[in-house]
N, C-alpha and C. Protein backbone atom coordinates (compact mmCIF):
# COMPACT_ATOMS: atom_id res chain seq x y z
N MET A 1 136.72 66.15 16.55
CA MET A 1 137.47 65.24 15.69
C MET A 1 138.65 66.00 15.08
N THR A 2 139.75 65.30 14.94
CA THR A 2 140.92 65.84 14.27
C THR A 2 141.07 65.09 12.95
N TYR A 3 141.06 65.84 11.87
CA TYR A 3 141.12 65.23 10.55
C TYR A 3 142.50 65.38 9.93
N LEU A 4 142.79 64.51 8.98
CA LEU A 4 144.04 64.58 8.23
C LEU A 4 144.13 65.89 7.47
N ILE A 5 142.99 66.34 6.95
CA ILE A 5 142.91 67.58 6.18
C ILE A 5 142.21 68.62 7.06
N PRO A 6 142.72 69.85 7.10
CA PRO A 6 142.04 70.90 7.87
C PRO A 6 140.59 71.08 7.40
N SER A 7 139.72 71.44 8.32
CA SER A 7 138.30 71.54 8.05
C SER A 7 137.98 72.45 6.86
N ARG A 8 138.61 73.59 6.79
CA ARG A 8 138.35 74.56 5.70
C ARG A 8 138.74 73.96 4.35
N LEU A 9 139.90 73.30 4.29
CA LEU A 9 140.34 72.68 3.05
C LEU A 9 139.39 71.55 2.66
N TYR A 10 138.93 70.78 3.64
CA TYR A 10 137.98 69.70 3.38
C TYR A 10 136.70 70.27 2.77
N ASP A 11 136.20 71.37 3.32
CA ASP A 11 134.98 71.99 2.79
C ASP A 11 135.17 72.48 1.36
N ILE A 12 136.33 73.04 1.07
CA ILE A 12 136.62 73.51 -0.29
C ILE A 12 136.68 72.33 -1.25
N ILE A 13 137.40 71.27 -0.87
CA ILE A 13 137.49 70.08 -1.73
C ILE A 13 136.11 69.48 -1.94
N LYS A 14 135.32 69.41 -0.88
CA LYS A 14 133.98 68.84 -0.99
C LYS A 14 133.12 69.64 -1.97
N PHE A 15 133.19 70.97 -1.90
CA PHE A 15 132.43 71.81 -2.83
C PHE A 15 132.89 71.60 -4.27
N ILE A 16 134.20 71.55 -4.45
CA ILE A 16 134.75 71.34 -5.80
C ILE A 16 134.31 69.98 -6.34
N VAL A 17 134.38 68.96 -5.50
CA VAL A 17 134.04 67.60 -5.94
C VAL A 17 132.55 67.44 -6.21
N THR A 18 131.72 68.00 -5.35
CA THR A 18 130.29 67.76 -5.48
C THR A 18 129.57 68.71 -6.43
N VAL A 19 130.13 69.89 -6.66
CA VAL A 19 129.44 70.88 -7.49
C VAL A 19 130.23 71.25 -8.74
N VAL A 20 131.44 71.73 -8.53
CA VAL A 20 132.21 72.34 -9.62
C VAL A 20 132.64 71.32 -10.68
N MET A 21 133.25 70.23 -10.25
CA MET A 21 133.79 69.28 -11.23
C MET A 21 132.71 68.66 -12.12
N PRO A 22 131.61 68.17 -11.57
CA PRO A 22 130.57 67.63 -12.47
C PRO A 22 130.02 68.70 -13.41
N ALA A 23 129.86 69.92 -12.90
CA ALA A 23 129.33 70.99 -13.75
C ALA A 23 130.30 71.35 -14.88
N VAL A 24 131.58 71.42 -14.58
CA VAL A 24 132.58 71.74 -15.61
C VAL A 24 132.64 70.62 -16.65
N SER A 25 132.58 69.39 -16.20
CA SER A 25 132.62 68.26 -17.13
C SER A 25 131.44 68.31 -18.11
N VAL A 26 130.24 68.48 -17.56
CA VAL A 26 129.05 68.53 -18.41
C VAL A 26 129.10 69.75 -19.32
N LEU A 27 129.54 70.88 -18.80
CA LEU A 27 129.63 72.10 -19.60
C LEU A 27 130.57 71.91 -20.78
N TYR A 28 131.77 71.38 -20.52
CA TYR A 28 132.74 71.22 -21.61
C TYR A 28 132.25 70.21 -22.65
N VAL A 29 131.75 69.08 -22.19
CA VAL A 29 131.28 68.06 -23.14
C VAL A 29 130.12 68.60 -23.97
N GLY A 30 129.21 69.31 -23.33
CA GLY A 30 128.08 69.88 -24.06
C GLY A 30 128.51 70.92 -25.08
N LEU A 31 129.38 71.83 -24.67
CA LEU A 31 129.85 72.86 -25.59
C LEU A 31 130.76 72.28 -26.68
N ALA A 32 131.51 71.26 -26.34
CA ALA A 32 132.36 70.62 -27.35
C ALA A 32 131.51 70.03 -28.46
N GLY A 33 130.37 69.45 -28.08
CA GLY A 33 129.47 68.89 -29.10
C GLY A 33 128.85 69.97 -29.98
N ILE A 34 128.55 71.10 -29.39
CA ILE A 34 127.95 72.21 -30.14
C ILE A 34 128.98 72.92 -31.01
N TRP A 35 130.12 73.23 -30.45
CA TRP A 35 131.12 74.06 -31.12
C TRP A 35 132.26 73.28 -31.77
N GLY A 36 132.26 71.98 -31.61
CA GLY A 36 133.31 71.17 -32.23
C GLY A 36 134.66 71.30 -31.54
N TRP A 37 134.65 71.58 -30.24
CA TRP A 37 135.90 71.68 -29.51
C TRP A 37 136.55 70.29 -29.42
N PRO A 38 137.86 70.26 -29.38
CA PRO A 38 138.55 68.96 -29.36
C PRO A 38 138.58 68.34 -27.96
N TYR A 39 138.85 67.06 -27.95
CA TYR A 39 139.16 66.30 -26.74
C TYR A 39 138.04 66.25 -25.71
N ALA A 40 136.80 66.26 -26.13
CA ALA A 40 135.69 66.20 -25.17
C ALA A 40 135.78 64.95 -24.30
N ASP A 41 136.05 63.81 -24.91
CA ASP A 41 136.14 62.57 -24.15
C ASP A 41 137.32 62.60 -23.18
N GLU A 42 138.45 63.09 -23.64
CA GLU A 42 139.65 63.14 -22.81
C GLU A 42 139.46 64.09 -21.62
N VAL A 43 138.84 65.23 -21.85
CA VAL A 43 138.59 66.19 -20.77
C VAL A 43 137.64 65.57 -19.75
N SER A 44 136.58 64.95 -20.22
CA SER A 44 135.61 64.32 -19.32
C SER A 44 136.26 63.21 -18.49
N ARG A 45 137.07 62.40 -19.12
CA ARG A 45 137.73 61.30 -18.41
C ARG A 45 138.77 61.82 -17.43
N THR A 46 139.48 62.88 -17.79
CA THR A 46 140.46 63.48 -16.89
C THR A 46 139.78 64.02 -15.64
N ILE A 47 138.66 64.70 -15.83
CA ILE A 47 137.91 65.21 -14.68
C ILE A 47 137.44 64.05 -13.81
N ALA A 48 137.01 62.96 -14.42
CA ALA A 48 136.56 61.79 -13.65
C ALA A 48 137.69 61.21 -12.81
N VAL A 49 138.89 61.16 -13.36
CA VAL A 49 140.04 60.62 -12.62
C VAL A 49 140.40 61.54 -11.45
N VAL A 50 140.43 62.84 -11.68
CA VAL A 50 140.73 63.79 -10.61
C VAL A 50 139.62 63.73 -9.55
N TYR A 51 138.39 63.64 -9.99
CA TYR A 51 137.24 63.52 -9.10
C TYR A 51 137.40 62.30 -8.19
N THR A 52 137.76 61.17 -8.77
CA THR A 52 137.94 59.94 -7.99
C THR A 52 139.07 60.10 -6.97
N PHE A 53 140.16 60.73 -7.38
CA PHE A 53 141.28 60.97 -6.47
C PHE A 53 140.84 61.84 -5.29
N LEU A 54 140.14 62.93 -5.57
CA LEU A 54 139.72 63.82 -4.50
C LEU A 54 138.71 63.15 -3.57
N CYS A 55 137.84 62.32 -4.11
CA CYS A 55 136.91 61.55 -3.27
C CYS A 55 137.68 60.62 -2.34
N ALA A 56 138.73 60.00 -2.87
CA ALA A 56 139.55 59.11 -2.05
C ALA A 56 140.25 59.89 -0.93
N VAL A 57 140.76 61.06 -1.25
CA VAL A 57 141.41 61.90 -0.23
C VAL A 57 140.41 62.29 0.84
N MET A 58 139.21 62.65 0.44
CA MET A 58 138.18 63.01 1.41
C MET A 58 137.82 61.80 2.28
N GLY A 59 137.74 60.63 1.66
CA GLY A 59 137.42 59.42 2.41
C GLY A 59 138.50 59.06 3.39
N ILE A 60 139.75 59.20 2.99
CA ILE A 60 140.87 58.90 3.89
C ILE A 60 140.84 59.85 5.07
N SER A 61 140.56 61.12 4.81
CA SER A 61 140.51 62.09 5.89
C SER A 61 139.42 61.74 6.89
N SER A 62 138.26 61.35 6.40
CA SER A 62 137.16 60.97 7.30
C SER A 62 137.49 59.68 8.06
N TYR A 63 138.09 58.73 7.37
CA TYR A 63 138.39 57.44 7.97
C TYR A 63 139.46 57.56 9.07
N THR A 64 140.43 58.44 8.85
CA THR A 64 141.54 58.57 9.80
C THR A 64 141.29 59.63 10.86
N ALA A 65 140.10 60.18 10.90
CA ALA A 65 139.78 61.20 11.90
C ALA A 65 139.93 60.62 13.30
N LYS A 66 140.51 61.43 14.17
CA LYS A 66 140.72 61.01 15.54
C LYS A 66 139.88 61.90 16.45
N PRO A 67 139.27 61.30 17.45
CA PRO A 67 138.48 62.13 18.37
C PRO A 67 139.37 63.15 19.07
N ALA A 68 138.88 64.37 19.17
CA ALA A 68 139.61 65.40 19.92
C ALA A 68 139.45 65.12 21.39
N ASP A 69 140.28 65.72 22.19
CA ASP A 69 140.19 65.54 23.62
C ASP A 69 138.79 65.91 24.12
N GLY A 70 138.21 65.06 24.90
CA GLY A 70 136.90 65.34 25.47
C GLY A 70 135.74 64.82 24.63
N GLU A 71 136.00 64.17 23.49
CA GLU A 71 134.92 63.65 22.66
C GLU A 71 134.75 62.17 22.87
C-alpha cells in the first residue's frame, strides 16, 4: 500500500495520538488541580482539538491508501 503519509511518520503520529497526548492531558489537568496551575481546561481542550486533527490526518492517510504494484 502507498499512503499519503510515509509509514515512519504515520507510526510516530499514531504513537503520539494514542499514548503521549492523552497522558500529557491527564498529567497537566491532574497537576493543575494539585498545584493550582492555570488554564487546565484550556490546555485539555487544546490537546483534544490537536488530537482530533491528528486522528483525521491518520484516517485520511488510511482512506487514500493505494495498493502498491503487485498487491
